[in-house]
């Protein structure tokens, strides 16, 4: 199995989840971890599984405006640092480059604040819907929780690894 995990992260939580997913998938085959702003078409070509993740911003995928808000939030709060891979383009902009030519099987994940989904929304739901419209077969969708200070809730990294491991049998 060949997989690629592509992520967008503002404050590092989505990045940490992506790392856990890539590590778990790496036990079953060659796995590449790459930020959305750095991924090439060649890296995406011919993989068996494409896993894409992003933080939830205003119920959906990050936008240029919401990224600027996150940057402002980091400037205002000393305890928040922007992820080293933070950049544009992000996952939203990457969608136009993804289709079945890259991977027939796709999984989507997000990070979101630990509140009911009718309040937070789920970027993974939007992401999965967009990828399905592009002809991809969705084999998994998940949300991983952060607290109101943008830190992962306890146990989420382990849960991400378990989720990733469960994706492998769905490919056969």
N, C-alpha and C. Protein backbone atom coordinates (compact mmCIF):
# COMPACT_ATOMS: atom_id res chain seq x y z
N UNK A 1 0.84 -1.17 0.00
CA UNK A 1 0.00 0.00 0.00
C UNK A 1 0.89 1.25 0.00
N UNK A 2 0.47 2.22 -0.77
CA UNK A 2 1.16 3.52 -0.81
C UNK A 2 0.15 4.59 -0.43
N UNK A 3 0.49 5.40 0.55
CA UNK A 3 -0.43 6.42 1.05
C UNK A 3 0.27 7.76 1.16
N UNK A 4 -0.54 8.81 1.12
CA UNK A 4 -0.04 10.16 1.38
C UNK A 4 -1.02 10.83 2.33
N UNK A 5 -0.48 11.51 3.32
CA UNK A 5 -1.28 12.27 4.29
C UNK A 5 -0.95 13.73 4.05
N UNK A 6 -1.98 14.49 3.68
CA UNK A 6 -1.83 15.91 3.39
C UNK A 6 -2.62 16.69 4.44
N UNK A 7 -2.01 17.73 4.97
CA UNK A 7 -2.68 18.45 6.06
C UNK A 7 -2.47 19.95 5.93
N UNK A 8 -3.38 20.67 6.56
CA UNK A 8 -3.25 22.11 6.77
C UNK A 8 -3.39 22.31 8.27
N UNK A 9 -2.54 23.13 8.86
CA UNK A 9 -2.59 23.32 10.31
C UNK A 9 -2.25 24.76 10.66
N UNK A 10 -3.00 25.32 11.56
CA UNK A 10 -2.74 26.69 11.99
C UNK A 10 -1.84 26.72 13.22
N UNK A 11 -2.22 25.97 14.27
CA UNK A 11 -1.52 26.04 15.55
C UNK A 11 -0.84 24.73 15.93
N UNK A 12 -0.82 23.75 15.01
CA UNK A 12 -0.09 22.51 15.25
C UNK A 12 -0.93 21.30 15.60
N UNK A 13 -2.16 21.47 16.02
CA UNK A 13 -2.97 20.30 16.40
C UNK A 13 -3.27 19.40 15.20
N UNK A 14 -3.67 19.98 14.10
CA UNK A 14 -3.96 19.17 12.91
C UNK A 14 -2.68 18.52 12.41
N UNK A 15 -1.57 19.19 12.53
CA UNK A 15 -0.27 18.64 12.14
C UNK A 15 0.04 17.40 12.99
N UNK A 16 -0.18 17.50 14.30
CA UNK A 16 0.09 16.35 15.19
C UNK A 16 -0.82 15.17 14.85
N UNK A 17 -2.07 15.44 14.53
CA UNK A 17 -2.97 14.36 14.13
C UNK A 17 -2.49 13.74 12.82
N UNK A 18 -2.08 14.57 11.86
CA UNK A 18 -1.57 14.06 10.59
C UNK A 18 -0.34 13.19 10.80
N UNK A 19 0.54 13.58 11.70
CA UNK A 19 1.72 12.77 12.01
C UNK A 19 1.32 11.40 12.56
N UNK A 20 0.34 11.38 13.46
CA UNK A 20 -0.12 10.11 14.04
C UNK A 20 -0.75 9.22 12.98
N UNK A 21 -1.51 9.82 12.08
CA UNK A 21 -2.14 9.07 10.99
C UNK A 21 -1.06 8.50 10.07
N UNK A 22 -0.09 9.32 9.70
CA UNK A 22 0.98 8.86 8.80
C UNK A 22 1.81 7.74 9.45
N UNK A 23 2.09 7.90 10.74
CA UNK A 23 2.86 6.86 11.43
C UNK A 23 2.11 5.53 11.44
N UNK A 24 0.82 5.58 11.73
CA UNK A 24 0.02 4.36 11.77
C UNK A 24 -0.08 3.72 10.38
N UNK A 25 -0.30 4.54 9.36
CA UNK A 25 -0.38 4.00 7.99
C UNK A 25 0.97 3.46 7.54
N UNK A 26 2.04 4.05 8.02
CA UNK A 26 3.38 3.61 7.66
C UNK A 26 3.68 2.19 8.08
N UNK A 27 2.94 1.66 9.02
CA UNK A 27 3.12 0.26 9.44
C UNK A 27 2.60 -0.71 8.38
N UNK A 28 1.77 -0.19 7.44
CA UNK A 28 1.19 -1.04 6.40
C UNK A 28 1.76 -0.77 5.01
N UNK A 29 2.65 0.19 4.91
CA UNK A 29 3.24 0.48 3.60
C UNK A 29 3.88 1.85 3.57
N UNK A 30 4.36 2.20 2.40
CA UNK A 30 5.03 3.49 2.20
C UNK A 30 4.04 4.63 2.41
N UNK A 31 4.37 5.56 3.29
CA UNK A 31 3.48 6.68 3.60
C UNK A 31 4.28 7.97 3.61
N UNK A 32 3.73 8.98 2.95
CA UNK A 32 4.33 10.30 2.89
C UNK A 32 3.45 11.28 3.66
N UNK A 33 4.06 12.16 4.42
CA UNK A 33 3.36 13.23 5.15
C UNK A 33 3.81 14.55 4.55
N UNK A 34 2.85 15.39 4.14
CA UNK A 34 3.22 16.65 3.52
C UNK A 34 2.15 17.72 3.77
N UNK A 35 2.60 18.95 3.98
CA UNK A 35 1.69 20.07 4.16
C UNK A 35 1.02 20.40 2.83
N UNK A 36 -0.22 20.84 2.89
CA UNK A 36 -1.01 21.12 1.68
C UNK A 36 -0.31 22.11 0.77
N UNK A 37 0.33 23.11 1.34
CA UNK A 37 0.99 24.12 0.53
C UNK A 37 2.26 23.66 -0.15
N UNK A 38 2.72 22.45 0.19
CA UNK A 38 3.97 21.94 -0.36
C UNK A 38 3.81 20.70 -1.22
N UNK A 39 2.61 20.12 -1.28
CA UNK A 39 2.41 18.87 -1.99
C UNK A 39 2.47 19.09 -3.51
N UNK A 40 3.06 18.13 -4.19
CA UNK A 40 3.14 18.18 -5.65
C UNK A 40 2.20 17.14 -6.25
N UNK A 41 1.84 17.33 -7.50
CA UNK A 41 1.01 16.35 -8.19
C UNK A 41 1.73 15.01 -8.27
N UNK A 42 3.04 15.03 -8.41
CA UNK A 42 3.81 13.79 -8.49
C UNK A 42 3.71 13.00 -7.19
N UNK A 43 3.72 13.69 -6.05
CA UNK A 43 3.59 13.00 -4.76
C UNK A 43 2.22 12.36 -4.61
N UNK A 44 1.20 13.00 -5.17
CA UNK A 44 -0.16 12.47 -5.05
C UNK A 44 -0.46 11.38 -6.06
N UNK A 45 0.28 11.32 -7.15
CA UNK A 45 -0.02 10.40 -8.24
C UNK A 45 0.15 8.94 -7.83
N UNK A 46 -0.82 8.15 -8.16
CA UNK A 46 -0.72 6.71 -8.03
C UNK A 46 -0.73 6.15 -6.63
N UNK A 47 -1.17 6.92 -5.65
CA UNK A 47 -1.24 6.38 -4.30
C UNK A 47 -2.51 5.53 -4.15
N UNK A 48 -2.49 4.59 -3.23
CA UNK A 48 -3.66 3.77 -2.96
C UNK A 48 -4.63 4.50 -2.03
N UNK A 49 -4.07 5.34 -1.17
CA UNK A 49 -4.90 6.05 -0.19
C UNK A 49 -4.39 7.48 -0.04
N UNK A 50 -5.32 8.41 -0.15
CA UNK A 50 -5.03 9.82 0.09
C UNK A 50 -5.81 10.21 1.33
N UNK A 51 -5.10 10.72 2.34
CA UNK A 51 -5.74 11.19 3.57
C UNK A 51 -5.51 12.69 3.65
N UNK A 52 -6.60 13.44 3.81
CA UNK A 52 -6.51 14.90 3.81
C UNK A 52 -7.16 15.43 5.08
N UNK A 53 -6.46 16.37 5.75
CA UNK A 53 -6.99 16.92 6.99
C UNK A 53 -6.77 18.41 7.10
N UNK A 54 -7.70 19.05 7.81
CA UNK A 54 -7.64 20.50 8.01
C UNK A 54 -8.37 20.87 9.30
N UNK A 55 -8.05 22.03 9.85
CA UNK A 55 -8.83 22.50 11.00
C UNK A 55 -10.20 22.99 10.53
N UNK A 56 -11.15 22.96 11.43
CA UNK A 56 -12.47 23.49 11.12
C UNK A 56 -12.49 24.98 11.45
N UNK A 57 -12.85 25.77 10.46
CA UNK A 57 -12.98 27.21 10.63
C UNK A 57 -14.40 27.59 10.22
N UNK A 58 -15.17 28.14 11.15
CA UNK A 58 -16.53 28.60 10.85
C UNK A 58 -17.35 27.53 10.13
N UNK A 59 -17.33 26.32 10.68
CA UNK A 59 -18.11 25.18 10.19
C UNK A 59 -17.52 24.49 8.97
N UNK A 60 -16.47 25.01 8.36
CA UNK A 60 -15.98 24.48 7.10
C UNK A 60 -14.46 24.47 7.05
N UNK A 61 -13.97 24.30 5.83
CA UNK A 61 -12.53 24.37 5.60
C UNK A 61 -12.02 25.80 5.75
N UNK A 62 -10.76 25.96 6.12
CA UNK A 62 -10.20 27.31 6.23
C UNK A 62 -10.27 28.06 4.89
N UNK A 63 -10.44 29.36 5.01
CA UNK A 63 -10.42 30.26 3.86
C UNK A 63 -9.26 31.22 4.05
N UNK A 64 -9.00 32.01 3.04
CA UNK A 64 -7.96 33.03 3.16
C UNK A 64 -8.24 33.93 4.36
N UNK A 65 -9.50 34.34 4.50
CA UNK A 65 -9.88 35.24 5.60
C UNK A 65 -9.73 34.57 6.96
N UNK A 66 -10.14 33.31 7.08
CA UNK A 66 -10.03 32.64 8.38
C UNK A 66 -8.57 32.36 8.74
N UNK A 67 -7.73 32.16 7.73
CA UNK A 67 -6.31 31.99 8.00
C UNK A 67 -5.70 33.30 8.55
N UNK A 68 -6.13 34.41 7.98
CA UNK A 68 -5.66 35.70 8.48
C UNK A 68 -6.13 35.93 9.92
N UNK A 69 -7.36 35.51 10.23
CA UNK A 69 -7.86 35.61 11.61
C UNK A 69 -7.01 34.76 12.55
N UNK A 70 -6.65 33.55 12.12
CA UNK A 70 -5.81 32.68 12.94
C UNK A 70 -4.44 33.31 13.16
N UNK A 71 -3.91 33.92 12.13
CA UNK A 71 -2.62 34.59 12.26
C UNK A 71 -2.71 35.73 13.27
N UNK A 72 -3.82 36.48 13.22
CA UNK A 72 -4.04 37.56 14.19
C UNK A 72 -4.19 37.04 15.60
N UNK A 73 -4.86 35.89 15.72
CA UNK A 73 -5.04 35.28 17.04
C UNK A 73 -3.68 34.88 17.63
N UNK A 74 -2.80 34.35 16.79
CA UNK A 74 -1.46 33.98 17.26
C UNK A 74 -0.67 35.22 17.69
N UNK A 75 -0.87 36.32 16.98
CA UNK A 75 -0.19 37.56 17.35
C UNK A 75 -0.68 38.10 18.70
N UNK A 76 -1.96 37.85 19.02
CA UNK A 76 -2.55 38.38 20.24
C UNK A 76 -2.31 37.52 21.47
N UNK A 77 -2.00 36.24 21.26
CA UNK A 77 -1.86 35.31 22.38
C UNK A 77 -0.47 34.68 22.36
N UNK A 78 0.32 34.99 23.36
CA UNK A 78 1.69 34.49 23.42
C UNK A 78 1.78 32.97 23.44
N UNK A 79 0.76 32.29 23.96
CA UNK A 79 0.81 30.83 24.07
C UNK A 79 0.50 30.14 22.75
N UNK A 80 0.08 30.89 21.73
CA UNK A 80 -0.22 30.32 20.42
C UNK A 80 0.89 30.63 19.43
N UNK A 81 1.36 29.61 18.78
CA UNK A 81 2.35 29.78 17.72
C UNK A 81 1.79 29.19 16.44
N UNK A 82 2.01 29.85 15.33
CA UNK A 82 1.59 29.28 14.06
C UNK A 82 2.44 28.06 13.75
N UNK A 83 1.81 27.05 13.17
CA UNK A 83 2.51 25.84 12.77
C UNK A 83 3.58 26.21 11.74
N UNK A 84 4.76 25.58 11.79
CA UNK A 84 5.81 25.89 10.82
C UNK A 84 5.37 25.68 9.37
N UNK A 85 4.43 24.78 9.14
CA UNK A 85 3.97 24.51 7.78
C UNK A 85 2.77 25.37 7.39
N UNK A 86 2.38 26.30 8.26
CA UNK A 86 1.24 27.15 7.94
C UNK A 86 1.55 27.96 6.69
N UNK A 87 0.64 27.89 5.75
CA UNK A 87 0.83 28.66 4.52
C UNK A 87 -0.42 28.56 3.66
N UNK A 88 -0.42 29.34 2.65
CA UNK A 88 -1.41 29.19 1.60
C UNK A 88 -0.64 28.77 0.36
N UNK A 89 -1.15 27.98 -0.51
CA UNK A 89 -2.50 27.45 -0.49
C UNK A 89 -2.68 26.38 0.59
N UNK A 90 -3.92 26.20 0.97
CA UNK A 90 -4.26 25.19 1.96
C UNK A 90 -5.07 24.08 1.32
N UNK A 91 -5.77 23.33 2.15
CA UNK A 91 -6.55 22.19 1.67
C UNK A 91 -7.66 22.64 0.72
N UNK A 92 -8.35 23.73 1.04
CA UNK A 92 -9.43 24.22 0.17
C UNK A 92 -8.92 24.42 -1.26
N UNK A 93 -7.76 25.04 -1.39
CA UNK A 93 -7.20 25.30 -2.71
C UNK A 93 -6.68 24.03 -3.38
N UNK A 94 -6.31 23.05 -2.58
CA UNK A 94 -5.81 21.78 -3.09
C UNK A 94 -6.92 20.94 -3.73
N UNK A 95 -8.15 21.13 -3.31
CA UNK A 95 -9.26 20.30 -3.80
C UNK A 95 -9.35 20.24 -5.32
N UNK A 96 -9.09 21.35 -5.97
CA UNK A 96 -9.19 21.37 -7.42
C UNK A 96 -8.15 20.49 -8.11
N UNK A 97 -7.12 20.11 -7.38
CA UNK A 97 -6.07 19.26 -7.96
C UNK A 97 -6.28 17.78 -7.65
N UNK A 98 -7.25 17.46 -6.82
CA UNK A 98 -7.44 16.07 -6.39
C UNK A 98 -8.57 15.44 -7.18
N UNK A 99 -8.36 14.22 -7.60
CA UNK A 99 -9.39 13.44 -8.27
C UNK A 99 -8.98 11.99 -8.30
N UNK A 100 -9.73 11.17 -8.99
CA UNK A 100 -9.44 9.74 -9.01
C UNK A 100 -8.12 9.44 -9.69
N UNK A 101 -7.59 10.37 -10.49
CA UNK A 101 -6.28 10.14 -11.10
C UNK A 101 -5.20 10.06 -10.02
N UNK A 102 -5.44 10.71 -8.89
CA UNK A 102 -4.45 10.70 -7.82
C UNK A 102 -4.66 9.52 -6.87
N UNK A 103 -5.88 9.28 -6.47
CA UNK A 103 -6.15 8.19 -5.52
C UNK A 103 -7.61 7.81 -5.60
N UNK A 104 -7.90 6.55 -5.79
CA UNK A 104 -9.29 6.13 -5.83
C UNK A 104 -9.94 6.14 -4.44
N UNK A 105 -9.14 5.99 -3.40
CA UNK A 105 -9.66 5.95 -2.04
C UNK A 105 -9.11 7.12 -1.24
N UNK A 106 -10.03 7.80 -0.55
CA UNK A 106 -9.68 9.00 0.18
C UNK A 106 -10.33 8.97 1.56
N UNK A 107 -9.61 9.48 2.55
CA UNK A 107 -10.16 9.67 3.89
C UNK A 107 -9.95 11.13 4.28
N UNK A 108 -10.92 11.67 5.01
CA UNK A 108 -10.88 13.08 5.41
C UNK A 108 -10.94 13.18 6.93
N UNK A 109 -10.16 14.11 7.48
CA UNK A 109 -10.25 14.36 8.92
C UNK A 109 -10.15 15.85 9.18
N UNK A 110 -10.58 16.22 10.36
CA UNK A 110 -10.45 17.61 10.79
C UNK A 110 -10.13 17.66 12.27
N UNK A 111 -9.76 18.84 12.69
CA UNK A 111 -9.73 19.14 14.12
C UNK A 111 -10.78 20.22 14.33
N UNK A 112 -11.44 20.14 15.47
CA UNK A 112 -12.49 21.11 15.77
C UNK A 112 -12.59 21.27 17.28
N UNK A 113 -13.17 22.36 17.70
CA UNK A 113 -13.35 22.62 19.12
C UNK A 113 -14.31 21.59 19.70
N UNK A 114 -14.04 21.18 20.92
CA UNK A 114 -14.83 20.16 21.61
C UNK A 114 -16.16 20.74 22.11
N UNK A 115 -17.04 20.98 21.16
CA UNK A 115 -18.42 21.42 21.42
C UNK A 115 -19.30 20.63 20.46
N UNK A 116 -20.62 20.63 20.66
CA UNK A 116 -21.48 19.91 19.71
C UNK A 116 -21.25 20.39 18.26
N UNK A 117 -21.36 19.47 17.32
CA UNK A 117 -21.06 19.79 15.93
C UNK A 117 -21.99 20.84 15.34
N UNK A 118 -23.20 20.99 15.87
CA UNK A 118 -24.07 22.03 15.33
C UNK A 118 -23.52 23.41 15.66
N UNK A 119 -22.63 23.49 16.63
CA UNK A 119 -21.98 24.75 16.97
C UNK A 119 -20.67 24.91 16.19
N UNK A 120 -19.86 23.86 16.15
CA UNK A 120 -18.53 23.96 15.53
C UNK A 120 -18.52 23.67 14.03
N UNK A 121 -19.40 22.78 13.60
CA UNK A 121 -19.29 22.28 12.23
C UNK A 121 -18.16 21.27 12.15
N UNK A 122 -17.97 20.71 10.95
CA UNK A 122 -16.91 19.72 10.73
C UNK A 122 -16.31 19.93 9.35
N UNK A 123 -15.09 20.35 9.28
CA UNK A 123 -14.43 20.51 7.99
C UNK A 123 -14.36 19.19 7.24
N UNK A 124 -14.23 18.08 7.95
CA UNK A 124 -14.13 16.77 7.29
C UNK A 124 -15.39 16.43 6.50
N UNK A 125 -16.54 16.85 6.97
CA UNK A 125 -17.79 16.60 6.25
C UNK A 125 -17.77 17.33 4.91
N UNK A 126 -17.38 18.59 4.95
CA UNK A 126 -17.27 19.39 3.72
C UNK A 126 -16.22 18.79 2.78
N UNK A 127 -15.09 18.43 3.35
CA UNK A 127 -13.99 17.86 2.58
C UNK A 127 -14.40 16.55 1.91
N UNK A 128 -15.04 15.66 2.66
CA UNK A 128 -15.48 14.37 2.10
C UNK A 128 -16.49 14.59 0.98
N UNK A 129 -17.41 15.49 1.17
CA UNK A 129 -18.41 15.78 0.14
C UNK A 129 -17.74 16.29 -1.14
N UNK A 130 -16.81 17.21 -0.99
CA UNK A 130 -16.11 17.76 -2.16
C UNK A 130 -15.30 16.68 -2.88
N UNK A 131 -14.64 15.83 -2.14
CA UNK A 131 -13.83 14.77 -2.75
C UNK A 131 -14.72 13.73 -3.44
N UNK A 132 -15.86 13.43 -2.85
CA UNK A 132 -16.80 12.49 -3.48
C UNK A 132 -17.30 13.05 -4.81
N UNK A 133 -17.57 14.35 -4.86
CA UNK A 133 -17.99 14.99 -6.11
C UNK A 133 -16.90 14.93 -7.17
N UNK A 134 -15.66 14.77 -6.75
CA UNK A 134 -14.56 14.67 -7.70
C UNK A 134 -14.27 13.22 -8.08
N UNK A 135 -15.15 12.31 -7.69
CA UNK A 135 -15.04 10.92 -8.09
C UNK A 135 -14.27 10.03 -7.15
N UNK A 136 -13.88 10.52 -5.99
CA UNK A 136 -13.13 9.71 -5.04
C UNK A 136 -14.08 8.86 -4.19
N UNK A 137 -13.59 7.70 -3.80
CA UNK A 137 -14.33 6.83 -2.89
C UNK A 137 -13.88 7.17 -1.47
N UNK A 138 -14.82 7.58 -0.64
CA UNK A 138 -14.51 7.97 0.73
C UNK A 138 -14.49 6.72 1.60
N UNK A 139 -13.35 6.45 2.23
CA UNK A 139 -13.21 5.27 3.07
C UNK A 139 -13.16 5.60 4.55
N UNK A 140 -13.17 6.89 4.88
CA UNK A 140 -13.15 7.29 6.28
C UNK A 140 -13.31 8.78 6.43
N UNK A 141 -13.91 9.14 7.56
CA UNK A 141 -14.10 10.55 7.90
C UNK A 141 -14.09 10.64 9.42
N UNK A 142 -13.34 11.61 9.95
CA UNK A 142 -13.24 11.72 11.40
C UNK A 142 -12.95 13.15 11.83
N UNK A 143 -13.36 13.45 13.05
CA UNK A 143 -13.04 14.70 13.71
C UNK A 143 -12.22 14.41 14.96
N UNK A 144 -11.22 15.24 15.21
CA UNK A 144 -10.41 15.13 16.41
C UNK A 144 -10.51 16.45 17.15
N UNK A 145 -10.61 16.37 18.45
CA UNK A 145 -11.03 17.52 19.25
C UNK A 145 -9.89 18.30 19.87
N UNK A 146 -10.09 19.63 19.89
CA UNK A 146 -9.20 20.54 20.58
C UNK A 146 -10.01 21.30 21.62
N UNK A 147 -9.32 21.81 22.63
CA UNK A 147 -10.03 22.62 23.62
C UNK A 147 -10.10 24.06 23.14
N UNK A 148 -10.66 24.91 23.92
CA UNK A 148 -10.83 26.31 23.51
C UNK A 148 -9.52 27.09 23.40
N UNK A 149 -8.43 26.45 23.84
CA UNK A 149 -7.10 27.08 23.74
C UNK A 149 -6.28 26.47 22.61
N UNK A 150 -6.95 25.73 21.72
CA UNK A 150 -6.33 25.13 20.53
C UNK A 150 -5.40 23.96 20.83
N UNK A 151 -5.52 23.35 22.02
CA UNK A 151 -4.70 22.18 22.36
C UNK A 151 -5.54 20.92 22.17
N UNK A 152 -4.91 19.88 21.68
CA UNK A 152 -5.62 18.61 21.51
C UNK A 152 -6.14 18.10 22.84
N UNK A 153 -7.34 17.57 22.82
CA UNK A 153 -7.92 16.93 23.99
C UNK A 153 -7.16 15.63 24.22
N UNK A 154 -7.00 15.24 25.47
CA UNK A 154 -6.28 14.02 25.80
C UNK A 154 -6.80 12.80 25.06
N UNK A 155 -5.89 11.99 24.54
CA UNK A 155 -6.25 10.74 23.86
C UNK A 155 -6.52 10.88 22.37
N UNK A 156 -6.55 12.11 21.85
CA UNK A 156 -6.89 12.29 20.43
C UNK A 156 -5.80 11.78 19.49
N UNK A 157 -4.54 11.91 19.87
CA UNK A 157 -3.46 11.41 19.01
C UNK A 157 -3.57 9.89 18.90
N UNK A 158 -3.83 9.23 20.00
CA UNK A 158 -3.99 7.77 19.99
C UNK A 158 -5.22 7.37 19.18
N UNK A 159 -6.29 8.13 19.33
CA UNK A 159 -7.51 7.83 18.58
C UNK A 159 -7.28 8.01 17.07
N UNK A 160 -6.46 8.99 16.70
CA UNK A 160 -6.13 9.21 15.29
C UNK A 160 -5.36 8.02 14.72
N UNK A 161 -4.43 7.48 15.50
CA UNK A 161 -3.67 6.31 15.05
C UNK A 161 -4.59 5.11 14.87
N UNK A 162 -5.52 4.92 15.79
CA UNK A 162 -6.48 3.82 15.67
C UNK A 162 -7.36 3.99 14.44
N UNK A 163 -7.83 5.21 14.21
CA UNK A 163 -8.66 5.51 13.04
C UNK A 163 -7.89 5.19 11.76
N UNK A 164 -6.63 5.62 11.69
CA UNK A 164 -5.82 5.38 10.50
C UNK A 164 -5.61 3.88 10.27
N UNK A 165 -5.34 3.15 11.31
CA UNK A 165 -5.15 1.71 11.18
C UNK A 165 -6.40 1.03 10.65
N UNK A 166 -7.55 1.53 11.02
CA UNK A 166 -8.82 0.96 10.55
C UNK A 166 -9.10 1.27 9.08
N UNK A 167 -8.40 2.24 8.50
CA UNK A 167 -8.60 2.58 7.08
C UNK A 167 -8.02 1.52 6.15
N UNK A 168 -6.95 0.86 6.57
CA UNK A 168 -6.23 -0.08 5.71
C UNK A 168 -7.13 -1.21 5.23
N UNK A 169 -7.89 -1.89 6.09
CA UNK A 169 -8.76 -2.96 5.59
C UNK A 169 -9.83 -2.46 4.62
N UNK A 170 -10.21 -1.20 4.71
CA UNK A 170 -11.23 -0.65 3.82
C UNK A 170 -10.73 -0.53 2.39
N UNK A 171 -9.42 -0.63 2.19
CA UNK A 171 -8.87 -0.49 0.85
C UNK A 171 -9.00 -1.76 0.01
N UNK A 172 -9.23 -2.88 0.65
CA UNK A 172 -9.31 -4.14 -0.09
C UNK A 172 -10.73 -4.51 -0.42
